[in-house]
Structures are given as structure tokens and as C-alpha cells.
């Protein structure tokens, strides 16, 4: 049975793209989320995987939904079986 595979570098690049589109620096996003700029940078480079709570906090501060934050990052999806 297939699962979902996500490359965290793709997720990080997506977050970085959204952040930059909004004209925010890593430091500004870090201040808004009460995280360190170093940690934000590590997430954006795919070196750290944030907890779900942290991921949602970042998305909320960027004003985007999880769908927008994850769009184009899934390598394959679930296959559903019709009953």
C-alpha cells in the first residue's frame, strides 16, 4: 500500500517562497512566531522538521492554509480503493 512521501526541502522552499513573497525576513518571521531565525532557516533548508504545532504556527503567521503551504510538495499520494 502506498503512502505519502514528502521531501522536507520542498516544504522548506515553499515556506521560504511564501515568506519572501510577503517581504518578510527570517528574523521578522522568527519574531512573529517566537522562534529563532536560525531555526526558521533550518526549516527552510529542510534540515529540521517542525512539529505540527510549529508548522501551523508558521502558516498562521504567514496567513496561508496548510493546503497552500504543502501545495506541490507531495511526491505521491494515497491510493483509495472503491468498495
PDB file of N, CA and C in Angstrom:
ATOM      1  N   UNK A   1       0.840  -1.176   0.000  1.00  0.00           N
ATOM      2  CA  UNK A   1       0.000   0.000   0.000  1.00  0.00           C
ATOM      3  C   UNK A   1       0.889   1.244   0.000  1.00  0.00           C
ATOM      4  N   UNK A   2       0.638   2.174  -0.875  1.00  0.00           N
ATOM      5  CA  UNK A   2       1.445   3.383  -0.988  1.00  0.00           C
ATOM      6  C   UNK A   2       1.139   4.373   0.117  1.00  0.00           C
ATOM      7  N   UNK A   3       2.119   5.150   0.454  1.00  0.00           N
ATOM      8  CA  UNK A   3       1.957   6.187   1.464  1.00  0.00           C
ATOM      9  C   UNK A   3       2.286   7.536   0.862  1.00  0.00           C
ATOM     10  N   UNK A   4       2.331   8.507   1.698  1.00  0.00           N
ATOM     11  CA  UNK A   4       2.670   9.853   1.253  1.00  0.00           C
ATOM     12  C   UNK A   4       4.144  10.081   1.534  1.00  0.00           C
ATOM     13  N   UNK A   5       4.852  10.564   0.536  1.00  0.00           N
ATOM     14  CA  UNK A   5       6.261  10.904   0.719  1.00  0.00           C
ATOM     15  C   UNK A   5       6.413  12.403   0.497  1.00  0.00           C
ATOM     16  N   UNK A   6       7.015  13.052   1.472  1.00  0.00           N
ATOM     17  CA  UNK A   6       7.217  14.485   1.388  1.00  0.00           C
ATOM     18  C   UNK A   6       8.693  14.776   1.610  1.00  0.00           C
ATOM     19  N   UNK A   7       9.288  15.535   0.739  1.00  0.00           N
ATOM     20  CA  UNK A   7      10.659  15.967   0.911  1.00  0.00           C
ATOM     21  C   UNK A   7      10.617  17.277   1.694  1.00  0.00           C
ATOM     22  N   UNK A   8      11.211  17.283   2.880  1.00  0.00           N
ATOM     23  CA  UNK A   8      11.139  18.473   3.729  1.00  0.00           C
ATOM     24  C   UNK A   8      11.870  19.659   3.114  1.00  0.00           C
ATOM     25  N   UNK A   9      12.801  19.394   2.198  1.00  0.00           N
ATOM     26  CA  UNK A   9      13.431  20.520   1.489  1.00  0.00           C
ATOM     27  C   UNK A   9      12.406  21.239   0.627  1.00  0.00           C
ATOM     28  N   UNK A  10      11.496  20.479   0.012  1.00  0.00           N
ATOM     29  CA  UNK A  10      10.441  21.092  -0.798  1.00  0.00           C
ATOM     30  C   UNK A  10       9.501  21.916   0.078  1.00  0.00           C
ATOM     31  N   UNK A  11       9.153  21.378   1.241  1.00  0.00           N
ATOM     32  CA  UNK A  11       8.277  22.099   2.177  1.00  0.00           C
ATOM     33  C   UNK A  11       8.975  23.376   2.626  1.00  0.00           C
ATOM     34  N   UNK A  12      10.252  23.268   2.978  1.00  0.00           N
ATOM     35  CA  UNK A  12      11.009  24.437   3.422  1.00  0.00           C
ATOM     36  C   UNK A  12      11.116  25.497   2.343  1.00  0.00           C
ATOM     37  N   UNK A  13      11.382  25.065   1.110  1.00  0.00           N
ATOM     38  CA  UNK A  13      11.461  26.018  -0.011  1.00  0.00           C
ATOM     39  C   UNK A  13      10.119  26.709  -0.235  1.00  0.00           C
ATOM     40  N   UNK A  14       9.046  25.949  -0.056  1.00  0.00           N
ATOM     41  CA  UNK A  14       7.707  26.528  -0.227  1.00  0.00           C
ATOM     42  C   UNK A  14       7.470  27.597   0.840  1.00  0.00           C
ATOM     43  N   UNK A  15       7.809  27.295   2.092  1.00  0.00           N
ATOM     44  CA  UNK A  15       7.653  28.278   3.172  1.00  0.00           C
ATOM     45  C   UNK A  15       8.509  29.513   2.901  1.00  0.00           C
ATOM     46  N   UNK A  16       9.731  29.290   2.433  1.00  0.00           N
ATOM     47  CA  UNK A  16      10.620  30.417   2.118  1.00  0.00           C
ATOM     48  C   UNK A  16      10.037  31.290   1.014  1.00  0.00           C
ATOM     49  N   UNK A  17       9.497  30.659  -0.008  1.00  0.00           N
ATOM     50  CA  UNK A  17       8.896  31.395  -1.128  1.00  0.00           C
ATOM     51  C   UNK A  17       7.724  32.250  -0.639  1.00  0.00           C
ATOM     52  N   UNK A  18       6.886  31.681   0.211  1.00  0.00           N
ATOM     53  CA  UNK A  18       5.739  32.422   0.752  1.00  0.00           C
ATOM     54  C   UNK A  18       6.228  33.582   1.608  1.00  0.00           C
ATOM     55  N   UNK A  19       7.227  33.316   2.466  1.00  0.00           N
ATOM     56  CA  UNK A  19       7.774  34.359   3.339  1.00  0.00           C
ATOM     57  C   UNK A  19       8.344  35.506   2.518  1.00  0.00           C
ATOM     58  N   UNK A  20       9.133  35.176   1.513  1.00  0.00           N
ATOM     59  CA  UNK A  20       9.752  36.214   0.682  1.00  0.00           C
ATOM     60  C   UNK A  20       8.712  36.984  -0.122  1.00  0.00           C
ATOM     61  N   UNK A  21       7.687  36.272  -0.604  1.00  0.00           N
ATOM     62  CA  UNK A  21       6.614  36.928  -1.360  1.00  0.00           C
ATOM     63  C   UNK A  21       5.939  37.994  -0.503  1.00  0.00           C
ATOM     64  N   UNK A  22       5.908  37.760   0.804  1.00  0.00           N
ATOM     65  CA  UNK A  22       5.289  38.714   1.722  1.00  0.00           C
ATOM     66  C   UNK A  22       6.273  39.783   2.204  1.00  0.00           C
ATOM     67  N   UNK A  23       7.510  39.707   1.720  1.00  0.00           N
ATOM     68  CA  UNK A  23       8.503  40.709   2.077  1.00  0.00           C
ATOM     69  C   UNK A  23       9.033  40.582   3.496  1.00  0.00           C
ATOM     70  N   UNK A  24       8.941  39.382   4.067  1.00  0.00           N
ATOM     71  CA  UNK A  24       9.420  39.166   5.428  1.00  0.00           C
ATOM     72  C   UNK A  24      10.819  38.548   5.416  1.00  0.00           C
ATOM     73  N   UNK A  25      11.652  38.957   6.357  1.00  0.00           N
ATOM     74  CA  UNK A  25      12.936  38.307   6.560  1.00  0.00           C
ATOM     75  C   UNK A  25      12.728  37.126   7.510  1.00  0.00           C
ATOM     76  N   UNK A  26      13.730  36.258   7.582  1.00  0.00           N
ATOM     77  CA  UNK A  26      13.663  35.162   8.546  1.00  0.00           C
ATOM     78  C   UNK A  26      13.551  35.732   9.964  1.00  0.00           C
ATOM     79  N   UNK A  27      14.257  36.819  10.228  1.00  0.00           N
ATOM     80  CA  UNK A  27      14.228  37.432  11.551  1.00  0.00           C
ATOM     81  C   UNK A  27      12.828  37.940  11.895  1.00  0.00           C
ATOM     82  N   UNK A  28      12.163  38.559  10.927  1.00  0.00           N
ATOM     83  CA  UNK A  28      10.808  39.072  11.168  1.00  0.00           C
ATOM     84  C   UNK A  28       9.831  37.937  11.427  1.00  0.00           C
ATOM     85  N   UNK A  29       9.923  36.855  10.643  1.00  0.00           N
ATOM     86  CA  UNK A  29       9.050  35.709  10.858  1.00  0.00           C
ATOM     87  C   UNK A  29       9.351  35.064  12.206  1.00  0.00           C
ATOM     88  N   UNK A  30      10.624  34.984  12.546  1.00  0.00           N
ATOM     89  CA  UNK A  30      11.018  34.409  13.835  1.00  0.00           C
ATOM     90  C   UNK A  30      10.411  35.215  14.982  1.00  0.00           C
ATOM     91  N   UNK A  31      10.455  36.519  14.872  1.00  0.00           N
ATOM     92  CA  UNK A  31       9.886  37.377  15.920  1.00  0.00           C
ATOM     93  C   UNK A  31       8.383  37.166  16.044  1.00  0.00           C
ATOM     94  N   UNK A  32       7.695  37.060  14.917  1.00  0.00           N
ATOM     95  CA  UNK A  32       6.237  36.866  14.932  1.00  0.00           C
ATOM     96  C   UNK A  32       5.842  35.518  15.534  1.00  0.00           C
ATOM     97  N   UNK A  33       6.696  34.502  15.347  1.00  0.00           N
ATOM     98  CA  UNK A  33       6.363  33.152  15.790  1.00  0.00           C
ATOM     99  C   UNK A  33       7.025  32.773  17.110  1.00  0.00           C
ATOM    100  N   UNK A  34       7.870  33.663  17.639  1.00  0.00           N
ATOM    101  CA  UNK A  34       8.622  33.390  18.865  1.00  0.00           C
ATOM    102  C   UNK A  34       9.562  32.193  18.684  1.00  0.00           C
ATOM    103  N   UNK A  35      10.079  32.052  17.460  1.00  0.00           N
ATOM    104  CA  UNK A  35      11.080  31.035  17.141  1.00  0.00           C
ATOM    105  C   UNK A  35      12.375  31.770  16.812  1.00  0.00           C
ATOM    106  N   UNK A  36      13.479  31.060  16.705  1.00  0.00           N
ATOM    107  CA  UNK A  36      14.729  31.724  16.341  1.00  0.00           C
ATOM    108  C   UNK A  36      14.858  31.796  14.817  1.00  0.00           C
ATOM    109  N   UNK A  37      15.562  32.817  14.355  1.00  0.00           N
ATOM    110  CA  UNK A  37      15.803  32.956  12.916  1.00  0.00           C
ATOM    111  C   UNK A  37      16.628  31.775  12.414  1.00  0.00           C
ATOM    112  N   UNK A  38      17.525  31.272  13.243  1.00  0.00           N
ATOM    113  CA  UNK A  38      18.328  30.106  12.880  1.00  0.00           C
ATOM    114  C   UNK A  38      17.426  28.901  12.625  1.00  0.00           C
ATOM    115  N   UNK A  39      16.441  28.702  13.501  1.00  0.00           N
ATOM    116  CA  UNK A  39      15.514  27.580  13.357  1.00  0.00           C
ATOM    117  C   UNK A  39      14.668  27.740  12.096  1.00  0.00           C
ATOM    118  N   UNK A  40      14.179  28.946  11.831  1.00  0.00           N
ATOM    119  CA  UNK A  40      13.408  29.210  10.602  1.00  0.00           C
ATOM    120  C   UNK A  40      14.274  28.849   9.393  1.00  0.00           C
ATOM    121  N   UNK A  41      15.531  29.275   9.399  1.00  0.00           N
ATOM    122  CA  UNK A  41      16.441  28.974   8.295  1.00  0.00           C
ATOM    123  C   UNK A  41      16.651  27.479   8.120  1.00  0.00           C
ATOM    124  N   UNK A  42      16.764  26.762   9.223  1.00  0.00           N
ATOM    125  CA  UNK A  42      16.957  25.312   9.155  1.00  0.00           C
ATOM    126  C   UNK A  42      15.723  24.621   8.587  1.00  0.00           C
ATOM    127  N   UNK A  43      14.538  25.106   8.941  1.00  0.00           N
ATOM    128  CA  UNK A  43      13.305  24.555   8.379  1.00  0.00           C
ATOM    129  C   UNK A  43      13.271  24.826   6.871  1.00  0.00           C
ATOM    130  N   UNK A  44      13.596  26.046   6.483  1.00  0.00           N
ATOM    131  CA  UNK A  44      13.558  26.421   5.074  1.00  0.00           C
ATOM    132  C   UNK A  44      14.554  25.621   4.237  1.00  0.00           C
ATOM    133  N   UNK A  45      15.663  25.208   4.833  1.00  0.00           N
ATOM    134  CA  UNK A  45      16.664  24.413   4.111  1.00  0.00           C
ATOM    135  C   UNK A  45      16.391  22.920   4.221  1.00  0.00           C
ATOM    136  N   UNK A  46      15.344  22.534   4.937  1.00  0.00           N
ATOM    137  CA  UNK A  46      14.996  21.127   5.077  1.00  0.00           C
ATOM    138  C   UNK A  46      15.871  20.383   6.062  1.00  0.00           C
ATOM    139  N   UNK A  47      16.582  21.111   6.902  1.00  0.00           N
ATOM    140  CA  UNK A  47      17.478  20.491   7.877  1.00  0.00           C
ATOM    141  C   UNK A  47      16.771  20.125   9.177  1.00  0.00           C
ATOM    142  N   UNK A  48      15.647  20.769   9.429  1.00  0.00           N
ATOM    143  CA  UNK A  48      14.849  20.471  10.616  1.00  0.00           C
ATOM    144  C   UNK A  48      13.406  20.267  10.196  1.00  0.00           C
ATOM    145  N   UNK A  49      12.732  19.360  10.872  1.00  0.00           N
ATOM    146  CA  UNK A  49      11.325  19.095  10.620  1.00  0.00           C
ATOM    147  C   UNK A  49      10.547  19.671  11.801  1.00  0.00           C
ATOM    148  N   UNK A  50       9.739  20.701  11.551  1.00  0.00           N
ATOM    149  CA  UNK A  50       8.996  21.292  12.669  1.00  0.00           C
ATOM    150  C   UNK A  50       7.882  20.364  13.130  1.00  0.00           C
ATOM    151  N   UNK A  51       7.503  20.512  14.384  1.00  0.00           N
ATOM    152  CA  UNK A  51       6.329  19.786  14.864  1.00  0.00           C
ATOM    153  C   UNK A  51       5.115  20.309  14.112  1.00  0.00           C
ATOM    154  N   UNK A  52       4.038  19.573  14.163  1.00  0.00           N
ATOM    155  CA  UNK A  52       2.810  20.012  13.502  1.00  0.00           C
ATOM    156  C   UNK A  52       2.361  21.350  14.073  1.00  0.00           C
ATOM    157  N   UNK A  53       2.443  21.503  15.385  1.00  0.00           N
ATOM    158  CA  UNK A  53       2.048  22.773  16.018  1.00  0.00           C
ATOM    159  C   UNK A  53       2.891  23.935  15.495  1.00  0.00           C
ATOM    160  N   UNK A  54       4.195  23.720  15.379  1.00  0.00           N
ATOM    161  CA  UNK A  54       5.084  24.776  14.883  1.00  0.00           C
ATOM    162  C   UNK A  54       4.803  25.077  13.421  1.00  0.00           C
ATOM    163  N   UNK A  55       4.575  24.045  12.623  1.00  0.00           N
ATOM    164  CA  UNK A  55       4.259  24.235  11.210  1.00  0.00           C
ATOM    165  C   UNK A  55       2.987  25.074  11.059  1.00  0.00           C
ATOM    166  N   UNK A  56       1.973  24.752  11.833  1.00  0.00           N
ATOM    167  CA  UNK A  56       0.712  25.501  11.778  1.00  0.00           C
ATOM    168  C   UNK A  56       0.912  26.936  12.253  1.00  0.00           C
ATOM    169  N   UNK A  57       1.726  27.130  13.288  1.00  0.00           N
ATOM    170  CA  UNK A  57       2.024  28.475  13.779  1.00  0.00           C
ATOM    171  C   UNK A  57       2.665  29.310  12.668  1.00  0.00           C
ATOM    172  N   UNK A  58       3.632  28.727  11.966  1.00  0.00           N
ATOM    173  CA  UNK A  58       4.299  29.445  10.870  1.00  0.00           C
ATOM    174  C   UNK A  58       3.304  29.769   9.764  1.00  0.00           C
ATOM    175  N   UNK A  59       2.490  28.795   9.380  1.00  0.00           N
ATOM    176  CA  UNK A  59       1.486  29.030   8.334  1.00  0.00           C
ATOM    177  C   UNK A  59       0.509  30.126   8.749  1.00  0.00           C
ATOM    178  N   UNK A  60       0.067  30.086  10.011  1.00  0.00           N
ATOM    179  CA  UNK A  60      -0.857  31.114  10.510  1.00  0.00           C
ATOM    180  C   UNK A  60      -0.234  32.502  10.415  1.00  0.00           C
ATOM    181  N   UNK A  61       1.023  32.617  10.822  1.00  0.00           N
ATOM    182  CA  UNK A  61       1.699  33.922  10.769  1.00  0.00           C
ATOM    183  C   UNK A  61       1.913  34.392   9.336  1.00  0.00           C
ATOM    184  N   UNK A  62       2.065  33.437   8.413  1.00  0.00           N
ATOM    185  CA  UNK A  62       2.205  33.793   7.002  1.00  0.00           C
ATOM    186  C   UNK A  62       0.842  34.028   6.347  1.00  0.00           C
ATOM    187  N   UNK A  63      -0.228  33.675   7.066  1.00  0.00           N
ATOM    188  CA  UNK A  63      -1.575  33.904   6.549  1.00  0.00           C
ATOM    189  C   UNK A  63      -1.969  32.966   5.428  1.00  0.00           C
ATOM    190  N   UNK A  64      -1.432  31.736   5.457  1.00  0.00           N
ATOM    191  CA  UNK A  64      -1.773  30.764   4.423  1.00  0.00           C
ATOM    192  C   UNK A  64      -2.323  29.498   5.065  1.00  0.00           C
ATOM    193  N   UNK A  65      -3.072  28.744   4.287  1.00  0.00           N
ATOM    194  CA  UNK A  65      -3.628  27.486   4.766  1.00  0.00           C
ATOM    195  C   UNK A  65      -2.591  26.374   4.611  1.00  0.00           C
ATOM    196  N   UNK A  66      -2.838  25.259   5.249  1.00  0.00           N
ATOM    197  CA  UNK A  66      -1.958  24.098   5.096  1.00  0.00           C
ATOM    198  C   UNK A  66      -1.928  23.650   3.638  1.00  0.00           C
ATOM    199  N   UNK A  67      -3.074  23.732   2.965  1.00  0.00           N
ATOM    200  CA  UNK A  67      -3.114  23.371   1.537  1.00  0.00           C
ATOM    201  C   UNK A  67      -2.131  24.218   0.741  1.00  0.00           C
ATOM    202  N   UNK A  68      -2.130  25.519   1.001  1.00  0.00           N
ATOM    203  CA  UNK A  68      -1.214  26.410   0.284  1.00  0.00           C
ATOM    204  C   UNK A  68       0.239  26.123   0.660  1.00  0.00           C
ATOM    205  N   UNK A  69       0.473  25.832   1.924  1.00  0.00           N
ATOM    206  CA  UNK A  69       1.822  25.576   2.398  1.00  0.00           C
ATOM    207  C   UNK A  69       2.400  24.270   1.904  1.00  0.00           C
ATOM    208  N   UNK A  70       1.544  23.309   1.604  1.00  0.00           N
ATOM    209  CA  UNK A  70       2.007  21.994   1.162  1.00  0.00           C
ATOM    210  C   UNK A  70       1.826  21.762  -0.331  1.00  0.00           C
ATOM    211  N   UNK A  71       1.156  22.670  -1.008  1.00  0.00           N
ATOM    212  CA  UNK A  71       0.879  22.508  -2.433  1.00  0.00           C
ATOM    213  C   UNK A  71       2.172  22.224  -3.196  1.00  0.00           C
ATOM    214  N   UNK A  72       2.148  21.212  -4.041  1.00  0.00           N
ATOM    215  CA  UNK A  72       3.280  20.807  -4.889  1.00  0.00           C
ATOM    216  C   UNK A  72       4.451  20.209  -4.118  1.00  0.00           C
ATOM    217  N   UNK A  73       4.246  19.773  -2.886  1.00  0.00           N
ATOM    218  CA  UNK A  73       5.354  19.178  -2.132  1.00  0.00           C
ATOM    219  C   UNK A  73       5.214  17.668  -1.984  1.00  0.00           C
ATOM    220  N   UNK A  74       4.046  17.116  -2.286  1.00  0.00           N
ATOM    221  CA  UNK A  74       3.843  15.675  -2.144  1.00  0.00           C
ATOM    222  C   UNK A  74       4.362  14.949  -3.373  1.00  0.00           C
ATOM    223  N   UNK A  75       5.150  13.901  -3.156  1.00  0.00           N
ATOM    224  CA  UNK A  75       5.719  13.132  -4.260  1.00  0.00           C
ATOM    225  C   UNK A  75       4.733  12.108  -4.784  1.00  0.00           C
ATOM    226  N   UNK A  76       3.934  11.542  -3.899  1.00  0.00           N
ATOM    227  CA  UNK A  76       2.866  10.646  -4.305  1.00  0.00           C
ATOM    228  C   UNK A  76       1.816  10.660  -3.199  1.00  0.00           C
ATOM    229  N   UNK A  77       0.624  10.298  -3.529  1.00  0.00           N
ATOM    230  CA  UNK A  77      -0.451  10.383  -2.567  1.00  0.00           C
ATOM    231  C   UNK A  77      -1.044   9.024  -2.266  1.00  0.00           C
ATOM    232  N   UNK A  78      -2.024   9.039  -1.439  1.00  0.00           N
ATOM    233  CA  UNK A  78      -2.719   7.806  -1.105  1.00  0.00           C
ATOM    234  C   UNK A  78      -3.527   7.346  -2.295  1.00  0.00           C
ATOM    235  N   UNK A  79      -3.599   6.048  -2.453  1.00  0.00           N
ATOM    236  CA  UNK A  79      -4.495   5.489  -3.442  1.00  0.00           C
ATOM    237  C   UNK A  79      -5.681   4.928  -2.664  1.00  0.00           C
ATOM    238  N   UNK A  80      -6.851   5.338  -3.043  1.00  0.00           N
ATOM    239  CA  UNK A  80      -8.050   4.843  -2.344  1.00  0.00           C
ATOM    240  C   UNK A  80      -8.657   3.717  -3.135  1.00  0.00           C
ATOM    241  N   UNK A  81      -9.255   2.817  -2.406  1.00  0.00           N
ATOM    242  CA  UNK A  81      -9.885   1.662  -3.040  1.00  0.00           C
ATOM    243  C   UNK A  81     -11.395   1.832  -2.939  1.00  0.00           C
ATOM    244  N   UNK A  82     -12.048   1.662  -4.042  1.00  0.00           N
ATOM    245  CA  UNK A  82     -13.508   1.750  -4.059  1.00  0.00           C
ATOM    246  C   UNK A  82     -14.078   0.441  -3.525  1.00  0.00           C
ATOM    247  N   UNK A  83     -15.041   0.538  -2.629  1.00  0.00           N
ATOM    248  CA  UNK A  83     -15.648  -0.671  -2.057  1.00  0.00           C
ATOM    249  C   UNK A  83     -16.863  -1.056  -2.843  1.00  0.00           C
TER     250      UNK A  83
END
